[in-house]
Amino acid sequence: MAFFAWLGTIANSPFHLRSGRTLTDPRISARSQSWLRALLYGFFAELATVLTIILIVVTYRYVVATGAPAADYAAFGLRTGEIVGIIGGAVYTFLLARLLMNRVSSEFVTHGLVVAATAIVFSVGGSLLGHHGVPAGYLLASVLKLASGALAGFLARGRQLLIDPA
């Protein structure tokens, strides 16, 4: 939970745009801020996924299986990347999209999909840079990210309808 508290402080900090304005500048509309936040949360969803994979692999190498052959570490890293990349990517996308829903007042599903699409762009981009290709598992991961982003928006929309049925 400390990670999400830290993320909330980062997301609310005054990021500087090219124009010299910050995200909290009153001259920038709330609508623009919500879309910028959606992009930022998508990036953080993918970053959290990658950091989780790194943490698991490093823990395995230096705590669980010290002294194993390098081939074992490589195989474990690939398998962990597949599993955590697919499941963890969807979970982090959902959690960060839900966090974003507290900051938007409309178009919840669309905001959730923007979070997911941004996470997918960084995921596929990272794969192309690191693996020089996109493994087949990325298709499933991308579908799950889209579904989790849409679900977060759908749940927020449903919550708003319960509170304000008009």
N, C-alpha and C. Protein backbone atom coordinates (compact mmCIF):
# COMPACT_ATOMS: atom_id res chain seq x y z
N MET A 1 0.81 -1.19 0.00
CA MET A 1 0.00 0.00 0.00
C MET A 1 0.86 1.26 0.00
N ALA A 2 2.07 1.16 0.52
CA ALA A 2 2.95 2.32 0.53
C ALA A 2 3.25 2.77 -0.90
N PHE A 3 3.34 1.81 -1.83
CA PHE A 3 3.59 2.16 -3.22
C PHE A 3 2.46 3.03 -3.76
N PHE A 4 1.20 2.68 -3.46
CA PHE A 4 0.08 3.44 -3.97
C PHE A 4 -0.01 4.81 -3.31
N ALA A 5 0.39 4.92 -2.05
CA ALA A 5 0.43 6.23 -1.40
C ALA A 5 1.48 7.10 -2.07
N TRP A 6 2.65 6.52 -2.36
CA TRP A 6 3.69 7.24 -3.05
C TRP A 6 3.22 7.66 -4.44
N LEU A 7 2.54 6.75 -5.12
CA LEU A 7 2.04 7.04 -6.46
C LEU A 7 1.05 8.20 -6.43
N GLY A 8 0.20 8.24 -5.40
CA GLY A 8 -0.75 9.34 -5.27
C GLY A 8 -0.05 10.68 -5.12
N THR A 9 1.07 10.71 -4.38
CA THR A 9 1.80 11.97 -4.23
C THR A 9 2.47 12.36 -5.53
N ILE A 10 2.96 11.37 -6.28
CA ILE A 10 3.58 11.67 -7.57
C ILE A 10 2.53 12.19 -8.55
N ALA A 11 1.37 11.53 -8.59
CA ALA A 11 0.33 11.92 -9.53
C ALA A 11 -0.23 13.30 -9.23
N ASN A 12 -0.11 13.76 -8.00
CA ASN A 12 -0.62 15.08 -7.64
C ASN A 12 0.47 16.14 -7.64
N SER A 13 1.70 15.75 -7.92
CA SER A 13 2.78 16.73 -7.91
C SER A 13 2.71 17.58 -9.17
N PRO A 14 3.30 18.76 -9.13
CA PRO A 14 3.19 19.67 -10.27
C PRO A 14 4.15 19.31 -11.40
N PHE A 15 3.77 18.36 -12.25
CA PHE A 15 4.58 18.01 -13.40
C PHE A 15 4.60 19.19 -14.38
N HIS A 16 5.75 19.49 -14.92
CA HIS A 16 5.87 20.61 -15.83
C HIS A 16 5.66 20.14 -17.26
N LEU A 17 4.85 20.88 -17.99
CA LEU A 17 4.59 20.59 -19.38
C LEU A 17 5.51 21.43 -20.24
N ARG A 18 5.56 21.17 -21.53
CA ARG A 18 6.43 21.93 -22.43
C ARG A 18 6.12 23.42 -22.41
N SER A 19 4.87 23.77 -22.20
CA SER A 19 4.47 25.17 -22.19
C SER A 19 4.98 25.90 -20.95
N GLY A 20 5.59 25.17 -20.01
CA GLY A 20 6.04 25.77 -18.77
C GLY A 20 4.99 25.71 -17.68
N ARG A 21 3.79 25.27 -18.03
CA ARG A 21 2.72 25.13 -17.05
C ARG A 21 2.89 23.81 -16.31
N THR A 22 2.17 23.70 -15.23
CA THR A 22 2.15 22.44 -14.50
C THR A 22 0.76 21.84 -14.61
N LEU A 23 0.65 20.56 -14.26
CA LEU A 23 -0.66 19.91 -14.30
C LEU A 23 -1.65 20.57 -13.35
N THR A 24 -1.16 21.22 -12.34
CA THR A 24 -2.05 21.88 -11.38
C THR A 24 -2.28 23.34 -11.71
N ASP A 25 -1.76 23.80 -12.83
CA ASP A 25 -1.97 25.18 -13.26
C ASP A 25 -3.46 25.41 -13.54
N PRO A 26 -4.05 26.46 -12.97
CA PRO A 26 -5.49 26.69 -13.18
C PRO A 26 -5.85 26.98 -14.63
N ARG A 27 -4.86 27.34 -15.46
CA ARG A 27 -5.15 27.60 -16.88
C ARG A 27 -5.35 26.32 -17.67
N ILE A 28 -4.99 25.18 -17.10
CA ILE A 28 -5.20 23.89 -17.75
C ILE A 28 -6.51 23.33 -17.23
N SER A 29 -7.38 22.97 -18.14
CA SER A 29 -8.71 22.52 -17.74
C SER A 29 -8.64 21.19 -16.98
N ALA A 30 -9.64 20.99 -16.15
CA ALA A 30 -9.74 19.72 -15.41
C ALA A 30 -9.86 18.55 -16.38
N ARG A 31 -10.51 18.77 -17.50
CA ARG A 31 -10.67 17.72 -18.51
C ARG A 31 -9.31 17.29 -19.05
N SER A 32 -8.45 18.25 -19.37
CA SER A 32 -7.11 17.93 -19.87
C SER A 32 -6.30 17.21 -18.80
N GLN A 33 -6.45 17.66 -17.56
CA GLN A 33 -5.71 17.02 -16.48
C GLN A 33 -6.10 15.56 -16.32
N SER A 34 -7.39 15.26 -16.47
CA SER A 34 -7.82 13.87 -16.29
C SER A 34 -7.24 12.96 -17.37
N TRP A 35 -7.13 13.46 -18.58
CA TRP A 35 -6.56 12.64 -19.66
C TRP A 35 -5.06 12.48 -19.48
N LEU A 36 -4.39 13.53 -19.03
CA LEU A 36 -2.95 13.42 -18.75
C LEU A 36 -2.71 12.44 -17.61
N ARG A 37 -3.57 12.50 -16.59
CA ARG A 37 -3.44 11.55 -15.48
C ARG A 37 -3.67 10.12 -15.96
N ALA A 38 -4.62 9.92 -16.85
CA ALA A 38 -4.88 8.58 -17.38
C ALA A 38 -3.64 8.03 -18.07
N LEU A 39 -2.97 8.87 -18.85
CA LEU A 39 -1.73 8.44 -19.50
C LEU A 39 -0.65 8.13 -18.47
N LEU A 40 -0.54 8.99 -17.48
CA LEU A 40 0.46 8.80 -16.43
C LEU A 40 0.20 7.52 -15.63
N TYR A 41 -1.04 7.27 -15.29
CA TYR A 41 -1.39 6.07 -14.53
C TYR A 41 -1.14 4.81 -15.36
N GLY A 42 -1.35 4.87 -16.66
CA GLY A 42 -1.03 3.74 -17.53
C GLY A 42 0.46 3.44 -17.53
N PHE A 43 1.27 4.50 -17.58
CA PHE A 43 2.72 4.32 -17.50
C PHE A 43 3.10 3.68 -16.17
N PHE A 44 2.52 4.18 -15.07
CA PHE A 44 2.84 3.63 -13.75
C PHE A 44 2.36 2.19 -13.60
N ALA A 45 1.28 1.83 -14.26
CA ALA A 45 0.81 0.44 -14.20
C ALA A 45 1.86 -0.48 -14.82
N GLU A 46 2.39 -0.08 -15.96
CA GLU A 46 3.41 -0.91 -16.60
C GLU A 46 4.72 -0.89 -15.81
N LEU A 47 5.08 0.26 -15.27
CA LEU A 47 6.29 0.35 -14.46
C LEU A 47 6.18 -0.56 -13.23
N ALA A 48 5.02 -0.57 -12.58
CA ALA A 48 4.81 -1.44 -11.41
C ALA A 48 4.93 -2.91 -11.80
N THR A 49 4.44 -3.26 -12.97
CA THR A 49 4.54 -4.65 -13.44
C THR A 49 6.00 -5.04 -13.63
N VAL A 50 6.76 -4.19 -14.28
CA VAL A 50 8.17 -4.47 -14.54
C VAL A 50 8.95 -4.55 -13.22
N LEU A 51 8.69 -3.62 -12.31
CA LEU A 51 9.39 -3.64 -11.02
C LEU A 51 9.04 -4.89 -10.21
N THR A 52 7.81 -5.35 -10.31
CA THR A 52 7.42 -6.57 -9.62
C THR A 52 8.17 -7.78 -10.17
N ILE A 53 8.29 -7.85 -11.49
CA ILE A 53 9.04 -8.95 -12.12
C ILE A 53 10.49 -8.92 -11.66
N ILE A 54 11.09 -7.73 -11.67
CA ILE A 54 12.49 -7.60 -11.24
C ILE A 54 12.65 -8.02 -9.79
N LEU A 55 11.75 -7.58 -8.93
CA LEU A 55 11.82 -7.92 -7.51
C LEU A 55 11.72 -9.44 -7.29
N ILE A 56 10.82 -10.09 -8.01
CA ILE A 56 10.66 -11.54 -7.86
C ILE A 56 11.91 -12.28 -8.34
N VAL A 57 12.45 -11.87 -9.49
CA VAL A 57 13.62 -12.55 -10.04
C VAL A 57 14.85 -12.33 -9.15
N VAL A 58 15.05 -11.11 -8.67
CA VAL A 58 16.19 -10.83 -7.80
C VAL A 58 16.07 -11.60 -6.48
N THR A 59 14.86 -11.65 -5.93
CA THR A 59 14.64 -12.41 -4.70
C THR A 59 14.94 -13.89 -4.93
N TYR A 60 14.50 -14.42 -6.04
CA TYR A 60 14.76 -15.82 -6.36
C TYR A 60 16.27 -16.07 -6.45
N ARG A 61 16.96 -15.19 -7.15
CA ARG A 61 18.38 -15.41 -7.38
C ARG A 61 19.21 -15.28 -6.11
N TYR A 62 18.93 -14.27 -5.29
CA TYR A 62 19.80 -13.98 -4.16
C TYR A 62 19.28 -14.48 -2.81
N VAL A 63 18.04 -14.96 -2.76
CA VAL A 63 17.51 -15.45 -1.49
C VAL A 63 17.08 -16.91 -1.58
N VAL A 64 16.32 -17.24 -2.61
CA VAL A 64 15.72 -18.57 -2.70
C VAL A 64 16.68 -19.60 -3.28
N ALA A 65 17.29 -19.30 -4.41
CA ALA A 65 18.10 -20.30 -5.12
C ALA A 65 19.51 -19.80 -5.35
N THR A 66 20.19 -19.47 -4.30
CA THR A 66 21.58 -19.03 -4.44
C THR A 66 22.45 -20.18 -4.92
N GLY A 67 23.35 -19.87 -5.83
CA GLY A 67 24.28 -20.89 -6.33
C GLY A 67 23.76 -21.75 -7.46
N ALA A 68 22.59 -21.47 -7.98
CA ALA A 68 22.06 -22.24 -9.11
C ALA A 68 22.79 -21.82 -10.39
N PRO A 69 22.78 -22.67 -11.41
CA PRO A 69 23.41 -22.30 -12.68
C PRO A 69 22.71 -21.11 -13.34
N ALA A 70 23.45 -20.35 -14.11
CA ALA A 70 22.91 -19.16 -14.78
C ALA A 70 21.72 -19.50 -15.68
N ALA A 71 21.74 -20.68 -16.29
CA ALA A 71 20.63 -21.08 -17.15
C ALA A 71 19.32 -21.20 -16.37
N ASP A 72 19.42 -21.65 -15.12
CA ASP A 72 18.22 -21.74 -14.27
C ASP A 72 17.64 -20.36 -13.99
N TYR A 73 18.52 -19.40 -13.72
CA TYR A 73 18.06 -18.04 -13.46
C TYR A 73 17.39 -17.45 -14.71
N ALA A 74 17.99 -17.69 -15.85
CA ALA A 74 17.43 -17.17 -17.10
C ALA A 74 16.06 -17.77 -17.37
N ALA A 75 15.94 -19.08 -17.19
CA ALA A 75 14.66 -19.74 -17.41
C ALA A 75 13.60 -19.24 -16.42
N PHE A 76 14.01 -19.08 -15.16
CA PHE A 76 13.08 -18.57 -14.16
C PHE A 76 12.63 -17.15 -14.51
N GLY A 77 13.56 -16.33 -14.95
CA GLY A 77 13.23 -14.95 -15.33
C GLY A 77 12.24 -14.89 -16.47
N LEU A 78 12.44 -15.74 -17.49
CA LEU A 78 11.51 -15.76 -18.62
C LEU A 78 10.12 -16.21 -18.19
N ARG A 79 10.07 -17.26 -17.39
CA ARG A 79 8.77 -17.79 -16.94
C ARG A 79 8.06 -16.79 -16.02
N THR A 80 8.81 -16.16 -15.14
CA THR A 80 8.23 -15.15 -14.25
C THR A 80 7.71 -13.97 -15.05
N GLY A 81 8.47 -13.56 -16.05
CA GLY A 81 8.02 -12.45 -16.90
C GLY A 81 6.72 -12.76 -17.61
N GLU A 82 6.59 -14.01 -18.06
CA GLU A 82 5.34 -14.41 -18.73
C GLU A 82 4.16 -14.37 -17.77
N ILE A 83 4.32 -14.99 -16.63
CA ILE A 83 3.20 -15.11 -15.69
C ILE A 83 2.84 -13.76 -15.06
N VAL A 84 3.85 -13.11 -14.50
CA VAL A 84 3.59 -11.84 -13.81
C VAL A 84 3.24 -10.74 -14.82
N GLY A 85 3.83 -10.80 -16.00
CA GLY A 85 3.51 -9.81 -17.02
C GLY A 85 2.05 -9.87 -17.43
N ILE A 86 1.52 -11.07 -17.52
CA ILE A 86 0.12 -11.22 -17.93
C ILE A 86 -0.81 -10.90 -16.77
N ILE A 87 -0.62 -11.57 -15.65
CA ILE A 87 -1.54 -11.40 -14.51
C ILE A 87 -1.29 -10.07 -13.80
N GLY A 88 -0.03 -9.81 -13.48
CA GLY A 88 0.30 -8.57 -12.77
C GLY A 88 -0.03 -7.33 -13.57
N GLY A 89 0.19 -7.39 -14.88
CA GLY A 89 -0.14 -6.24 -15.72
C GLY A 89 -1.62 -5.90 -15.66
N ALA A 90 -2.46 -6.92 -15.69
CA ALA A 90 -3.91 -6.69 -15.60
C ALA A 90 -4.29 -6.17 -14.21
N VAL A 91 -3.68 -6.73 -13.18
CA VAL A 91 -4.00 -6.30 -11.81
C VAL A 91 -3.58 -4.85 -11.59
N TYR A 92 -2.36 -4.51 -11.97
CA TYR A 92 -1.90 -3.13 -11.79
C TYR A 92 -2.71 -2.15 -12.65
N THR A 93 -3.08 -2.57 -13.84
CA THR A 93 -3.91 -1.69 -14.67
C THR A 93 -5.25 -1.44 -13.99
N PHE A 94 -5.84 -2.49 -13.44
CA PHE A 94 -7.11 -2.32 -12.75
C PHE A 94 -6.96 -1.41 -11.53
N LEU A 95 -5.95 -1.67 -10.71
CA LEU A 95 -5.77 -0.89 -9.48
C LEU A 95 -5.52 0.59 -9.78
N LEU A 96 -4.68 0.86 -10.76
CA LEU A 96 -4.39 2.25 -11.07
C LEU A 96 -5.54 2.94 -11.80
N ALA A 97 -6.28 2.20 -12.60
CA ALA A 97 -7.47 2.77 -13.23
C ALA A 97 -8.51 3.08 -12.15
N ARG A 98 -8.66 2.20 -11.17
CA ARG A 98 -9.59 2.47 -10.06
C ARG A 98 -9.15 3.70 -9.28
N LEU A 99 -7.86 3.84 -9.05
CA LEU A 99 -7.33 5.01 -8.37
C LEU A 99 -7.65 6.28 -9.16
N LEU A 100 -7.54 6.21 -10.46
CA LEU A 100 -7.85 7.36 -11.31
C LEU A 100 -9.33 7.72 -11.23
N MET A 101 -10.20 6.75 -11.08
CA MET A 101 -11.64 7.01 -11.09
C MET A 101 -12.06 7.96 -9.98
N ASN A 102 -11.27 8.05 -8.91
CA ASN A 102 -11.57 9.00 -7.85
C ASN A 102 -11.31 10.44 -8.29
N ARG A 103 -10.61 10.62 -9.39
CA ARG A 103 -10.21 11.95 -9.85
C ARG A 103 -10.94 12.41 -11.10
N VAL A 104 -11.82 11.59 -11.63
CA VAL A 104 -12.57 11.99 -12.82
C VAL A 104 -14.05 12.01 -12.50
N SER A 105 -14.79 12.78 -13.29
CA SER A 105 -16.22 12.91 -13.02
C SER A 105 -17.10 12.38 -14.15
N SER A 106 -16.49 11.99 -15.24
CA SER A 106 -17.27 11.45 -16.35
C SER A 106 -16.36 10.60 -17.23
N GLU A 107 -16.98 9.91 -18.19
CA GLU A 107 -16.24 9.08 -19.15
C GLU A 107 -15.31 8.08 -18.44
N PHE A 108 -15.85 7.40 -17.47
CA PHE A 108 -15.07 6.49 -16.64
C PHE A 108 -14.48 5.34 -17.45
N VAL A 109 -15.30 4.70 -18.26
CA VAL A 109 -14.82 3.54 -19.03
C VAL A 109 -13.73 3.99 -20.01
N THR A 110 -13.94 5.14 -20.63
CA THR A 110 -12.94 5.64 -21.58
C THR A 110 -11.62 5.95 -20.87
N HIS A 111 -11.69 6.55 -19.70
CA HIS A 111 -10.47 6.80 -18.94
C HIS A 111 -9.77 5.49 -18.57
N GLY A 112 -10.53 4.49 -18.17
CA GLY A 112 -9.95 3.19 -17.86
C GLY A 112 -9.28 2.56 -19.06
N LEU A 113 -9.91 2.72 -20.22
CA LEU A 113 -9.31 2.19 -21.45
C LEU A 113 -8.04 2.94 -21.84
N VAL A 114 -7.98 4.24 -21.55
CA VAL A 114 -6.76 5.01 -21.83
C VAL A 114 -5.63 4.54 -20.93
N VAL A 115 -5.93 4.28 -19.67
CA VAL A 115 -4.91 3.73 -18.75
C VAL A 115 -4.39 2.41 -19.33
N ALA A 116 -5.31 1.54 -19.74
CA ALA A 116 -4.92 0.23 -20.29
C ALA A 116 -4.12 0.37 -21.58
N ALA A 117 -4.59 1.22 -22.48
CA ALA A 117 -3.90 1.40 -23.76
C ALA A 117 -2.49 1.94 -23.56
N THR A 118 -2.33 2.85 -22.62
CA THR A 118 -0.99 3.38 -22.34
C THR A 118 -0.08 2.29 -21.78
N ALA A 119 -0.62 1.48 -20.87
CA ALA A 119 0.17 0.37 -20.33
C ALA A 119 0.56 -0.59 -21.45
N ILE A 120 -0.35 -0.83 -22.38
CA ILE A 120 -0.06 -1.73 -23.51
C ILE A 120 1.03 -1.16 -24.39
N VAL A 121 0.96 0.13 -24.68
CA VAL A 121 1.97 0.77 -25.53
C VAL A 121 3.36 0.62 -24.90
N PHE A 122 3.46 0.87 -23.59
CA PHE A 122 4.76 0.72 -22.94
C PHE A 122 5.19 -0.73 -22.85
N SER A 123 4.25 -1.64 -22.68
CA SER A 123 4.56 -3.06 -22.62
C SER A 123 5.11 -3.56 -23.96
N VAL A 124 4.39 -3.26 -25.02
CA VAL A 124 4.82 -3.70 -26.35
C VAL A 124 6.10 -2.99 -26.75
N GLY A 125 6.20 -1.71 -26.45
CA GLY A 125 7.44 -0.97 -26.76
C GLY A 125 8.63 -1.55 -26.04
N GLY A 126 8.45 -1.87 -24.76
CA GLY A 126 9.54 -2.48 -24.00
C GLY A 126 9.92 -3.84 -24.54
N SER A 127 8.92 -4.59 -24.99
CA SER A 127 9.20 -5.91 -25.56
C SER A 127 9.98 -5.79 -26.87
N LEU A 128 9.59 -4.85 -27.69
CA LEU A 128 10.29 -4.65 -28.95
C LEU A 128 11.74 -4.22 -28.71
N LEU A 129 11.95 -3.39 -27.70
CA LEU A 129 13.31 -2.96 -27.39
C LEU A 129 14.13 -4.08 -26.76
N GLY A 130 13.51 -4.85 -25.86
CA GLY A 130 14.24 -5.87 -25.12
C GLY A 130 14.34 -7.21 -25.83
N HIS A 131 13.23 -7.65 -26.42
CA HIS A 131 13.17 -8.97 -27.05
C HIS A 131 13.27 -8.91 -28.56
N HIS A 132 13.19 -7.73 -29.12
CA HIS A 132 13.17 -7.53 -30.58
C HIS A 132 12.00 -8.26 -31.23
N GLY A 133 10.91 -8.33 -30.49
CA GLY A 133 9.70 -8.96 -30.97
C GLY A 133 8.66 -8.94 -29.87
N VAL A 134 7.48 -9.43 -30.20
CA VAL A 134 6.40 -9.45 -29.23
C VAL A 134 5.94 -10.89 -29.06
N PRO A 135 6.17 -11.50 -27.89
CA PRO A 135 5.72 -12.87 -27.66
C PRO A 135 4.20 -12.98 -27.74
N ALA A 136 3.73 -14.18 -27.99
CA ALA A 136 2.29 -14.42 -28.14
C ALA A 136 1.52 -14.09 -26.87
N GLY A 137 2.14 -14.26 -25.71
CA GLY A 137 1.48 -13.97 -24.44
C GLY A 137 1.08 -12.52 -24.29
N TYR A 138 1.70 -11.63 -25.06
CA TYR A 138 1.37 -10.21 -24.98
C TYR A 138 -0.04 -9.94 -25.50
N LEU A 139 -0.53 -10.78 -26.39
CA LEU A 139 -1.91 -10.60 -26.87
C LEU A 139 -2.88 -10.82 -25.71
N LEU A 140 -2.69 -11.91 -24.97
CA LEU A 140 -3.54 -12.17 -23.81
C LEU A 140 -3.38 -11.06 -22.77
N ALA A 141 -2.15 -10.65 -22.52
CA ALA A 141 -1.89 -9.59 -21.54
C ALA A 141 -2.60 -8.30 -21.96
N SER A 142 -2.57 -7.98 -23.23
CA SER A 142 -3.20 -6.76 -23.73
C SER A 142 -4.71 -6.82 -23.59
N VAL A 143 -5.29 -7.97 -23.91
CA VAL A 143 -6.75 -8.13 -23.77
C VAL A 143 -7.16 -8.01 -22.31
N LEU A 144 -6.38 -8.62 -21.40
CA LEU A 144 -6.69 -8.54 -19.98
C LEU A 144 -6.54 -7.12 -19.45
N LYS A 145 -5.55 -6.39 -19.94
CA LYS A 145 -5.38 -4.99 -19.52
C LYS A 145 -6.57 -4.16 -19.98
N LEU A 146 -6.98 -4.34 -21.22
CA LEU A 146 -8.15 -3.60 -21.71
C LEU A 146 -9.40 -3.94 -20.90
N ALA A 147 -9.57 -5.22 -20.61
CA ALA A 147 -10.73 -5.65 -19.83
C ALA A 147 -10.67 -5.07 -18.42
N SER A 148 -9.49 -5.06 -17.81
CA SER A 148 -9.39 -4.54 -16.44
C SER A 148 -9.57 -3.03 -16.39
N GLY A 149 -9.07 -2.31 -17.39
CA GLY A 149 -9.30 -0.87 -17.44
C GLY A 149 -10.77 -0.54 -17.65
N ALA A 150 -11.41 -1.28 -18.55
CA ALA A 150 -12.84 -1.08 -18.78
C ALA A 150 -13.65 -1.44 -17.54
N LEU A 151 -13.28 -2.52 -16.87
CA LEU A 151 -13.99 -2.93 -15.66
C LEU A 151 -13.88 -1.86 -14.57
N ALA A 152 -12.70 -1.30 -14.40
CA ALA A 152 -12.53 -0.23 -13.40
C ALA A 152 -13.45 0.94 -13.72
N GLY A 153 -13.52 1.31 -14.99
CA GLY A 153 -14.41 2.40 -15.39
C GLY A 153 -15.87 2.05 -15.23
N PHE A 154 -16.21 0.83 -15.57
CA PHE A 154 -17.60 0.38 -15.44
C PHE A 154 -18.04 0.39 -13.98
N LEU A 155 -17.18 -0.09 -13.09
CA LEU A 155 -17.51 -0.09 -11.67
C LEU A 155 -17.66 1.33 -11.13
N ALA A 156 -16.81 2.23 -11.58
CA ALA A 156 -16.92 3.63 -11.14
C ALA A 156 -18.19 4.27 -11.68
N ARG A 157 -18.54 3.96 -12.91
CA ARG A 157 -19.78 4.49 -13.50
C ARG A 157 -20.99 3.96 -12.74
N GLY A 158 -20.96 2.70 -12.39
CA GLY A 158 -22.05 2.11 -11.62
C GLY A 158 -22.18 2.74 -10.25
N ARG A 159 -21.03 3.03 -9.64
CA ARG A 159 -21.03 3.69 -8.33
C ARG A 159 -21.64 5.09 -8.43
N GLN A 160 -21.31 5.80 -9.50
CA GLN A 160 -21.85 7.14 -9.68
C GLN A 160 -23.36 7.09 -9.92
N LEU A 161 -23.82 6.09 -10.67
CA LEU A 161 -25.26 5.97 -10.90
C LEU A 161 -26.01 5.67 -9.62
N LEU A 162 -25.40 4.92 -8.72
CA LEU A 162 -26.04 4.64 -7.44
C LEU A 162 -26.11 5.89 -6.56
N ILE A 163 -25.08 6.71 -6.65
CA ILE A 163 -25.04 7.92 -5.83
C ILE A 163 -25.92 9.02 -6.43
N ASP A 164 -25.82 9.20 -7.73
CA ASP A 164 -26.54 10.29 -8.40
C ASP A 164 -27.31 9.71 -9.59
N PRO A 165 -28.51 9.17 -9.40
CA PRO A 165 -29.23 8.51 -10.48
C PRO A 165 -29.73 9.44 -11.59
N ALA A 166 -29.63 10.73 -11.42
CA ALA A 166 -30.15 11.65 -12.44
C ALA A 166 -29.29 11.73 -13.66
